[in-house]
Every structure is written in structure tokens, then in C-alpha cells.
N, C-alpha and C. Protein backbone atom coordinates (compact mmCIF):
# COMPACT_ATOMS: atom_id res chain seq x y z
N UNK A 1 96.97 113.72 38.75
CA UNK A 1 96.83 112.55 39.19
C UNK A 1 98.08 112.03 40.40
N UNK A 2 98.90 112.94 40.03
CA UNK A 2 100.06 112.73 41.41
C UNK A 2 99.51 113.54 42.56
N UNK A 3 98.90 114.54 42.35
CA UNK A 3 98.22 115.05 43.58
C UNK A 3 96.94 114.28 43.92
N UNK A 4 96.39 113.76 43.51
CA UNK A 4 95.39 112.96 43.97
C UNK A 4 95.96 111.64 44.41
N UNK A 5 96.90 111.10 43.94
CA UNK A 5 97.61 110.14 44.86
C UNK A 5 98.04 110.37 46.00
N UNK A 6 98.66 111.71 46.41
CA UNK A 6 99.41 112.48 47.57
C UNK A 6 98.19 112.22 48.49
N UNK A 7 96.81 113.14 48.08
CA UNK A 7 95.94 113.22 48.59
C UNK A 7 95.44 112.07 49.42
N UNK A 8 94.88 110.97 48.52
CA UNK A 8 94.25 109.84 48.96
C UNK A 8 95.44 109.00 49.83
N UNK A 9 96.63 109.22 49.49
CA UNK A 9 97.33 108.48 50.20
C UNK A 9 97.83 109.28 51.77
N UNK A 10 97.59 110.79 51.76
CA UNK A 10 97.40 111.16 53.08
C UNK A 10 96.28 111.06 53.82
N UNK A 11 95.33 110.89 53.23
CA UNK A 11 94.12 110.51 53.57
C UNK A 11 94.12 109.29 54.49
N UNK A 12 94.60 108.49 53.49
CA UNK A 12 94.65 106.80 54.08
C UNK A 12 95.42 107.11 55.26
N UNK A 13 96.69 107.58 55.31
CA UNK A 13 97.46 107.70 56.27
C UNK A 13 97.14 108.19 57.63
N UNK A 14 96.23 109.45 57.45
CA UNK A 14 95.52 110.00 58.60
C UNK A 14 94.74 109.12 59.20
N UNK A 15 93.58 108.39 58.32
CA UNK A 15 92.96 107.60 58.94
C UNK A 15 93.45 106.26 59.73
N UNK A 16 94.74 105.68 59.06
CA UNK A 16 95.35 104.99 59.52
C UNK A 16 95.76 105.38 60.91
N UNK A 17 96.52 106.48 61.18
CA UNK A 17 97.29 106.85 62.58
C UNK A 17 95.90 107.32 63.60
N UNK A 18 94.94 107.73 62.88
CA UNK A 18 93.61 107.59 64.08
C UNK A 18 93.16 106.08 64.36
N UNK A 19 93.25 105.50 63.43
CA UNK A 19 92.48 104.00 63.83
C UNK A 19 93.94 103.48 65.05
N UNK A 20 94.85 103.49 64.50
CA UNK A 20 95.97 103.21 65.16
C UNK A 20 95.52 103.75 66.81
N UNK A 21 95.54 104.96 66.86
CA UNK A 21 95.39 105.62 68.29
C UNK A 21 93.86 104.80 68.70
N UNK A 22 93.10 104.97 68.13
CA UNK A 22 91.93 104.67 68.78
C UNK A 22 92.06 102.79 69.68
N UNK A 23 92.69 102.15 68.25
CA UNK A 23 93.03 100.53 69.07
C UNK A 23 93.96 100.60 69.96
N UNK A 24 95.19 101.62 70.26
CA UNK A 24 96.12 101.65 71.28
C UNK A 24 95.00 101.98 72.41
N UNK A 25 94.42 103.07 72.18
CA UNK A 25 93.77 103.58 73.38
C UNK A 25 92.56 102.40 74.10
N UNK A 26 91.91 101.63 73.19
CA UNK A 26 91.19 100.61 73.62
C UNK A 26 92.11 99.99 74.52
N UNK A 27 93.43 99.41 73.74
CA UNK A 27 93.99 98.51 74.38
C UNK A 27 94.63 98.90 76.10
N UNK A 28 95.22 99.94 75.98
CA UNK A 28 95.17 100.82 77.00
C UNK A 28 94.25 100.63 78.31
N UNK A 29 92.96 100.90 77.99
CA UNK A 29 91.99 101.11 78.57
C UNK A 29 91.46 99.55 78.94
N UNK A 30 91.79 98.54 78.11
CA UNK A 30 91.57 97.25 78.66
C UNK A 30 92.80 96.69 79.57
N UNK A 31 93.54 97.03 79.28
CA UNK A 31 94.90 96.84 80.07
C UNK A 31 94.80 97.35 81.46
N UNK A 32 94.33 98.68 81.75
CA UNK A 32 93.93 99.42 83.04
C UNK A 32 92.82 98.56 83.52
N UNK A 33 91.78 98.20 83.03
CA UNK A 33 90.98 97.62 84.04
C UNK A 33 91.48 96.22 84.05
N UNK A 34 91.92 95.34 83.33
CA UNK A 34 92.44 94.01 83.62
C UNK A 34 93.49 94.49 84.95
N UNK A 35 94.09 95.23 84.96
CA UNK A 35 95.17 95.47 86.08
C UNK A 35 94.21 95.75 87.36
N UNK A 36 93.17 96.60 87.34
CA UNK A 36 92.62 96.78 88.44
C UNK A 36 91.92 95.52 88.90
N UNK A 37 91.72 94.90 88.08
CA UNK A 37 90.43 93.15 88.40
C UNK A 37 91.73 92.13 89.33
N UNK A 38 92.83 92.55 88.65
CA UNK A 38 93.88 91.60 89.15
C UNK A 38 94.33 92.20 90.57
N UNK A 39 94.60 93.46 90.65
CA UNK A 39 94.73 94.10 91.90
C UNK A 39 93.75 93.74 92.67
N UNK A 40 92.53 94.01 92.60
CA UNK A 40 91.43 93.82 93.50
C UNK A 40 91.46 92.50 93.85
N UNK A 41 91.49 91.68 93.02
CA UNK A 41 91.56 90.11 93.21
C UNK A 41 92.90 89.98 94.42
N UNK A 42 93.69 90.22 94.04
CA UNK A 42 95.17 90.26 94.98
C UNK A 42 94.68 90.77 96.53
N UNK A 43 94.07 91.94 96.48
CA UNK A 43 93.60 92.71 97.70
C UNK A 43 92.73 91.47 98.50
N UNK A 44 91.75 90.99 97.52
CA UNK A 44 90.69 90.29 98.34
C UNK A 44 91.16 89.19 98.72
N UNK A 45 92.47 88.54 98.01
CA UNK A 45 92.76 87.21 98.88
C UNK A 45 93.85 87.38 99.86
N UNK A 46 94.65 88.80 100.09
CA UNK A 46 95.43 89.27 101.05
C UNK A 46 94.29 89.14 102.18
N UNK A 47 93.23 90.09 102.09
CA UNK A 47 92.36 90.04 103.25
C UNK A 47 91.73 88.73 103.65
N UNK A 48 91.63 87.84 102.94
CA UNK A 48 91.39 86.72 103.07
C UNK A 48 92.40 86.02 104.08
N UNK A 49 93.48 85.85 103.54
CA UNK A 49 94.63 85.23 104.08
C UNK A 49 95.05 85.72 105.53
N UNK A 50 94.64 87.32 105.38
CA UNK A 50 94.77 87.82 106.75
C UNK A 50 93.80 87.73 107.96
N UNK A 51 92.46 87.38 107.42
CA UNK A 51 91.55 86.96 108.06
C UNK A 51 91.74 85.57 108.77
N UNK A 52 92.65 84.68 107.68
CA UNK A 52 92.45 83.19 108.43
C UNK A 52 94.07 82.91 109.26
N UNK A 53 94.60 83.89 108.81
CA UNK A 53 95.72 84.02 109.76
C UNK A 53 95.70 84.54 111.15
N UNK A 54 94.93 85.87 111.18
CA UNK A 54 94.27 86.40 112.46
C UNK A 54 93.42 85.22 113.30
N UNK A 55 92.60 84.31 112.60
CA UNK A 55 91.81 83.46 113.14
C UNK A 55 92.64 82.57 113.67
N UNK A 56 93.49 81.94 113.11
CA UNK A 56 94.49 80.72 113.74
C UNK A 56 95.34 81.19 114.71
N UNK A 57 95.56 82.44 114.75
CA UNK A 57 96.25 83.29 115.89
C UNK A 57 95.16 83.29 116.82
N UNK A 58 94.15 83.76 116.88
CA UNK A 58 92.95 83.96 117.89
C UNK A 58 92.52 82.22 118.67
N UNK A 59 92.62 81.11 117.42
CA UNK A 59 92.50 79.91 117.96
C UNK A 59 93.50 79.50 119.04
N UNK A 60 94.78 79.92 118.67
CA UNK A 60 96.17 79.41 119.16
C UNK A 60 96.18 79.98 120.81
N UNK A 61 95.37 81.53 120.63
CA UNK A 61 95.65 82.09 121.77
C UNK A 61 94.62 81.68 122.73
N UNK A 62 93.60 81.47 122.36
CA UNK A 62 92.10 80.89 123.23
C UNK A 62 92.94 79.37 123.86
N UNK A 63 93.51 78.43 122.95
CA UNK A 63 94.31 77.41 123.31
C UNK A 63 95.23 77.57 124.49
N UNK A 64 96.19 78.59 124.32
CA UNK A 64 97.08 78.92 125.29
C UNK A 64 96.55 79.35 126.44
N UNK A 65 95.75 80.36 126.07
CA UNK A 65 94.76 80.76 127.69
C UNK A 65 93.98 79.42 128.19
N UNK A 66 93.40 78.77 127.88
CA UNK A 66 92.78 77.53 128.36
C UNK A 66 93.95 76.77 129.38
N UNK A 67 95.47 76.45 128.51
CA UNK A 67 96.15 75.40 129.15
C UNK A 67 96.47 76.12 130.17
N UNK A 68 96.90 77.55 130.16
CA UNK A 68 97.46 78.53 131.38
C UNK A 68 96.53 78.35 132.60
N UNK A 69 95.25 78.54 131.95
CA UNK A 69 94.28 78.37 133.21
C UNK A 69 94.33 77.23 133.70
N UNK A 70 94.35 76.03 132.85
CA UNK A 70 94.37 74.87 133.69
C UNK A 70 95.04 74.95 134.63
N UNK A 71 96.63 74.87 134.10
CA UNK A 71 97.63 74.67 135.14
C UNK A 71 97.60 75.71 136.35
N UNK A 72 96.92 76.97 136.15
CA UNK A 72 96.76 77.82 137.46
C UNK A 72 95.96 76.92 138.29
N UNK A 73 94.85 76.56 137.33
CA UNK A 73 93.75 75.57 138.38
C UNK A 73 94.33 74.57 139.10
N UNK A 74 95.20 74.03 138.73
CA UNK A 74 95.77 72.69 139.20
C UNK A 74 96.87 73.18 140.08
N UNK A 75 97.67 74.12 140.04
CA UNK A 75 98.26 74.51 141.16
C UNK A 75 97.54 74.97 142.15
N UNK A 76 96.58 75.81 141.79
CA UNK A 76 95.61 76.14 142.87
C UNK A 76 95.10 75.05 143.94
N UNK A 77 94.44 74.15 143.06
CA UNK A 77 94.26 72.99 143.83
C UNK A 77 94.92 72.15 144.38
N UNK A 78 96.13 72.00 144.08
CA UNK A 78 97.47 71.55 144.78
C UNK A 78 97.74 72.30 146.04
N UNK A 79 97.60 73.75 146.03
CA UNK A 79 98.05 74.55 147.09
C UNK A 79 97.02 74.47 148.15
N UNK A 80 95.77 74.55 147.83
CA UNK A 80 94.84 74.22 148.60
C UNK A 80 94.83 72.83 149.48
N UNK A 81 95.28 72.05 148.67
CA UNK A 81 95.26 70.56 149.59
C UNK A 81 96.38 70.62 150.55
N UNK A 82 97.55 71.25 150.08
CA UNK A 82 98.88 71.56 150.82
C UNK A 82 98.41 72.21 152.21
N UNK A 83 97.79 73.27 151.97
CA UNK A 83 97.08 74.22 153.25
C UNK A 83 96.50 73.95 154.08
N UNK A 84 95.22 72.91 153.55
CA UNK A 84 94.34 72.24 154.43
C UNK A 84 95.00 70.94 155.20
N UNK A 85 96.02 70.43 154.52
CA UNK A 85 96.99 69.60 155.44
C UNK A 85 97.65 69.88 156.64
N UNK A 86 97.72 71.04 156.29
CA UNK A 86 98.89 71.64 157.35
C UNK A 86 98.10 72.36 158.23
N UNK A 87 96.82 72.70 157.94
CA UNK A 87 95.65 73.21 158.89
C UNK A 87 96.20 74.75 158.92
N UNK A 88 94.98 75.35 159.56
CA UNK A 88 94.70 77.01 159.29
C UNK A 88 95.31 77.44 160.38
N UNK A 89 96.47 78.38 160.46
CA UNK A 89 97.30 79.02 161.62
C UNK A 89 96.34 79.87 162.44
């Protein structure tokens, strides 16, 4: 009976160890998948943020370019008026 008890306990222990390994492995796989999903979402959010920042930078650069061009146009008009008033040499 003692031998039988030891065998049963040993088999139960082995089964419990195997079950524990399976559960842990599934937990590890799920955690890896969750980590990949979180990282992917992080990458997607960063890409979107980068696009927004770049777009804002592009819009600001366009606005700055328009302002500079407008100032240059006004200066050229003023210079043209001055030259015309002075006459051609």
C-alpha cells in the first residue's frame, strides 16, 4: 500500500508539474502576444504623432515662405516705385 501510495503521489506530482509547465507556457505566450500588441500600438501611435508633427512643420514652413515672399514682393514694389520716381539713368 505504501508503494502504491508513493506511485500515485509520484504520478500526481509529475502530472501537476506538467500542468504547471503548460499553464506557465501559455501565460508566457499570451504575455509575449500582449507585449507585441502593445508595442505595435505604440509604434503606430508614434508614427501618427510623427506625421502630425511633420504636417504641422510643413504648414508652418509654407506659412513662413508665404510671409517671406510677400515681404519680398512688397519690397520689390517699393524699390520699383523708387526707381521709377528717380527715372532711368
